[in-house]
């Protein structure tokens, strides 16, 4: 089963936070956002903006790349 791209990004963001040992509160501080803004990034049913997801990865020293694969 293929997950939507946004869901995959949110899962990868959760994993990155865990790998880095960063809390959501710390991520909010680094982004200079309210905690609720950060919490929305992790809600799978919330349609987060791509630039916000990218910003979260960027403050952790990571960047999002895009690729395409043929459908089997």
N, C-alpha and C. Protein backbone atom coordinates (compact mmCIF):
# COMPACT_ATOMS: atom_id res chain seq x y z
N UNK A 1 0.84 -1.18 0.00
CA UNK A 1 0.00 0.00 0.00
C UNK A 1 0.88 1.24 0.00
N UNK A 2 0.64 2.13 -0.95
CA UNK A 2 1.38 3.38 -1.04
C UNK A 2 0.67 4.44 -0.21
N UNK A 3 1.44 5.15 0.58
CA UNK A 3 0.90 6.26 1.38
C UNK A 3 1.01 7.55 0.59
N UNK A 4 0.12 8.50 0.83
CA UNK A 4 0.25 9.81 0.19
C UNK A 4 1.59 10.44 0.55
N UNK A 5 2.12 11.25 -0.35
CA UNK A 5 3.43 11.89 -0.15
C UNK A 5 3.46 12.69 1.14
N UNK A 6 2.41 13.46 1.41
CA UNK A 6 2.40 14.27 2.62
C UNK A 6 2.46 13.39 3.88
N UNK A 7 1.76 12.28 3.87
CA UNK A 7 1.81 11.35 5.00
C UNK A 7 3.21 10.79 5.16
N UNK A 8 3.85 10.43 4.07
CA UNK A 8 5.22 9.92 4.13
C UNK A 8 6.17 10.97 4.72
N UNK A 9 6.01 12.22 4.29
CA UNK A 9 6.86 13.29 4.82
C UNK A 9 6.65 13.49 6.32
N UNK A 10 5.40 13.43 6.75
CA UNK A 10 5.11 13.62 8.18
C UNK A 10 5.70 12.47 9.00
N UNK A 11 5.64 11.26 8.49
CA UNK A 11 6.25 10.12 9.19
C UNK A 11 7.76 10.29 9.24
N UNK A 12 8.35 10.73 8.14
CA UNK A 12 9.79 10.96 8.12
C UNK A 12 10.18 12.08 9.09
N UNK A 13 9.32 13.08 9.22
CA UNK A 13 9.58 14.16 10.17
C UNK A 13 9.55 13.63 11.60
N UNK A 14 8.57 12.78 11.90
CA UNK A 14 8.49 12.18 13.23
C UNK A 14 9.76 11.37 13.53
N UNK A 15 10.20 10.60 12.55
CA UNK A 15 11.40 9.79 12.72
C UNK A 15 12.63 10.67 12.90
N UNK A 16 12.73 11.74 12.13
CA UNK A 16 13.88 12.64 12.24
C UNK A 16 13.95 13.27 13.63
N UNK A 17 12.80 13.67 14.16
CA UNK A 17 12.77 14.25 15.51
C UNK A 17 13.27 13.23 16.52
N UNK A 18 12.79 12.00 16.40
CA UNK A 18 13.20 10.95 17.33
C UNK A 18 14.70 10.68 17.19
N UNK A 19 15.19 10.57 15.95
CA UNK A 19 16.61 10.30 15.71
C UNK A 19 17.50 11.40 16.28
N UNK A 20 17.04 12.64 16.19
CA UNK A 20 17.82 13.79 16.67
C UNK A 20 17.62 14.04 18.16
N UNK A 21 16.64 13.37 18.77
CA UNK A 21 16.35 13.59 20.18
C UNK A 21 15.77 14.97 20.45
N UNK A 22 15.00 15.48 19.48
CA UNK A 22 14.41 16.81 19.58
C UNK A 22 12.92 16.66 19.90
N UNK A 23 12.43 17.47 20.82
CA UNK A 23 11.01 17.46 21.15
C UNK A 23 10.27 18.42 20.22
N UNK A 24 8.97 18.30 20.21
CA UNK A 24 8.16 19.23 19.42
C UNK A 24 8.31 20.65 19.96
N UNK A 25 8.43 20.78 21.27
CA UNK A 25 8.62 22.10 21.87
C UNK A 25 9.94 22.72 21.40
N UNK A 26 10.99 21.91 21.32
CA UNK A 26 12.28 22.41 20.83
C UNK A 26 12.17 22.79 19.36
N UNK A 27 11.46 21.98 18.58
CA UNK A 27 11.27 22.30 17.17
C UNK A 27 10.54 23.63 17.03
N UNK A 28 9.54 23.86 17.85
CA UNK A 28 8.81 25.13 17.83
C UNK A 28 9.75 26.30 18.13
N UNK A 29 10.64 26.12 19.10
CA UNK A 29 11.61 27.18 19.42
C UNK A 29 12.54 27.45 18.25
N UNK A 30 13.04 26.39 17.64
CA UNK A 30 13.96 26.55 16.51
C UNK A 30 13.29 27.24 15.32
N UNK A 31 12.01 26.95 15.12
CA UNK A 31 11.28 27.55 14.00
C UNK A 31 10.71 28.93 14.35
N UNK A 32 10.69 29.26 15.65
CA UNK A 32 10.05 30.47 16.15
C UNK A 32 8.57 30.47 15.79
N UNK A 33 7.93 29.32 16.02
CA UNK A 33 6.50 29.11 15.78
C UNK A 33 5.82 28.81 17.10
N UNK A 34 4.52 28.98 17.12
CA UNK A 34 3.73 28.53 18.27
C UNK A 34 3.69 27.01 18.26
N UNK A 35 3.59 26.43 19.43
CA UNK A 35 3.58 24.97 19.56
C UNK A 35 2.47 24.33 18.72
N UNK A 36 1.29 24.96 18.68
CA UNK A 36 0.16 24.41 17.91
C UNK A 36 0.51 24.31 16.42
N UNK A 37 1.27 25.27 15.90
CA UNK A 37 1.67 25.21 14.49
C UNK A 37 2.52 23.96 14.23
N UNK A 38 3.41 23.67 15.16
CA UNK A 38 4.26 22.49 15.03
C UNK A 38 3.41 21.22 15.17
N UNK A 39 2.52 21.21 16.14
CA UNK A 39 1.68 20.02 16.34
C UNK A 39 0.88 19.68 15.08
N UNK A 40 0.42 20.68 14.36
CA UNK A 40 -0.34 20.43 13.12
C UNK A 40 0.50 19.71 12.07
N UNK A 41 1.82 19.92 12.08
CA UNK A 41 2.68 19.23 11.12
C UNK A 41 2.62 17.72 11.27
N UNK A 42 2.25 17.26 12.48
CA UNK A 42 2.26 15.83 12.76
C UNK A 42 0.88 15.19 12.66
N UNK A 43 -0.14 15.99 12.43
CA UNK A 43 -1.50 15.44 12.27
C UNK A 43 -1.65 14.95 10.84
N UNK A 44 -1.87 13.66 10.71
CA UNK A 44 -1.93 13.07 9.37
C UNK A 44 -3.11 13.57 8.55
N UNK A 45 -4.19 13.98 9.19
CA UNK A 45 -5.35 14.48 8.45
C UNK A 45 -5.30 15.97 8.18
N UNK A 46 -4.28 16.65 8.72
CA UNK A 46 -4.16 18.09 8.48
C UNK A 46 -3.34 18.31 7.21
N UNK A 47 -3.83 19.15 6.31
CA UNK A 47 -3.13 19.43 5.06
C UNK A 47 -2.07 20.51 5.30
N UNK A 48 -0.90 20.08 5.76
CA UNK A 48 0.20 21.00 6.02
C UNK A 48 0.77 21.52 4.71
N UNK A 49 1.29 22.73 4.76
CA UNK A 49 1.94 23.29 3.58
C UNK A 49 3.34 22.71 3.45
N UNK A 50 3.73 22.44 2.22
CA UNK A 50 5.03 21.85 1.96
C UNK A 50 6.16 22.75 2.47
N UNK A 51 6.03 24.06 2.33
CA UNK A 51 7.10 24.95 2.79
C UNK A 51 7.29 24.86 4.31
N UNK A 52 6.22 24.57 5.04
CA UNK A 52 6.34 24.41 6.49
C UNK A 52 7.04 23.10 6.84
N UNK A 53 6.72 22.05 6.12
CA UNK A 53 7.38 20.77 6.34
C UNK A 53 8.87 20.90 6.02
N UNK A 54 9.18 21.56 4.90
CA UNK A 54 10.57 21.77 4.52
C UNK A 54 11.32 22.58 5.57
N UNK A 55 10.68 23.60 6.12
CA UNK A 55 11.30 24.44 7.15
C UNK A 55 11.64 23.61 8.39
N UNK A 56 10.75 22.70 8.77
CA UNK A 56 11.00 21.84 9.92
C UNK A 56 12.22 20.94 9.68
N UNK A 57 12.31 20.37 8.49
CA UNK A 57 13.49 19.55 8.17
C UNK A 57 14.75 20.41 8.15
N UNK A 58 14.65 21.60 7.61
CA UNK A 58 15.82 22.47 7.46
C UNK A 58 16.45 22.82 8.81
N UNK A 59 15.62 23.12 9.83
CA UNK A 59 16.20 23.47 11.13
C UNK A 59 16.85 22.27 11.81
N UNK A 60 16.62 21.08 11.25
CA UNK A 60 17.30 19.88 11.75
C UNK A 60 18.46 19.48 10.83
N UNK A 61 18.79 20.36 9.89
CA UNK A 61 19.91 20.09 8.99
C UNK A 61 19.62 19.09 7.90
N UNK A 62 18.36 19.01 7.50
CA UNK A 62 17.96 18.06 6.45
C UNK A 62 17.18 18.79 5.37
N UNK A 63 17.15 18.23 4.17
CA UNK A 63 16.35 18.82 3.11
C UNK A 63 15.53 17.76 2.42
N UNK A 64 14.41 18.19 1.88
CA UNK A 64 13.49 17.30 1.17
C UNK A 64 13.90 17.29 -0.29
N UNK A 65 13.97 16.09 -0.88
CA UNK A 65 14.22 15.96 -2.31
C UNK A 65 13.03 15.21 -2.91
N UNK A 66 12.83 15.38 -4.20
CA UNK A 66 11.69 14.78 -4.88
C UNK A 66 12.18 13.87 -6.00
N UNK A 67 11.51 12.75 -6.16
CA UNK A 67 11.85 11.83 -7.24
C UNK A 67 10.59 11.18 -7.79
N UNK A 68 10.69 10.62 -8.96
CA UNK A 68 9.56 9.94 -9.61
C UNK A 68 9.98 8.52 -9.95
N UNK A 69 9.02 7.62 -9.88
CA UNK A 69 9.23 6.23 -10.27
C UNK A 69 8.10 5.80 -11.19
N UNK A 70 8.40 4.95 -12.16
CA UNK A 70 7.34 4.46 -13.01
C UNK A 70 6.38 3.56 -12.22
N UNK A 71 5.13 3.59 -12.59
CA UNK A 71 4.13 2.73 -11.96
C UNK A 71 4.27 1.34 -12.53
N UNK A 72 4.36 0.37 -11.65
CA UNK A 72 4.57 -1.02 -12.11
C UNK A 72 3.30 -1.59 -12.71
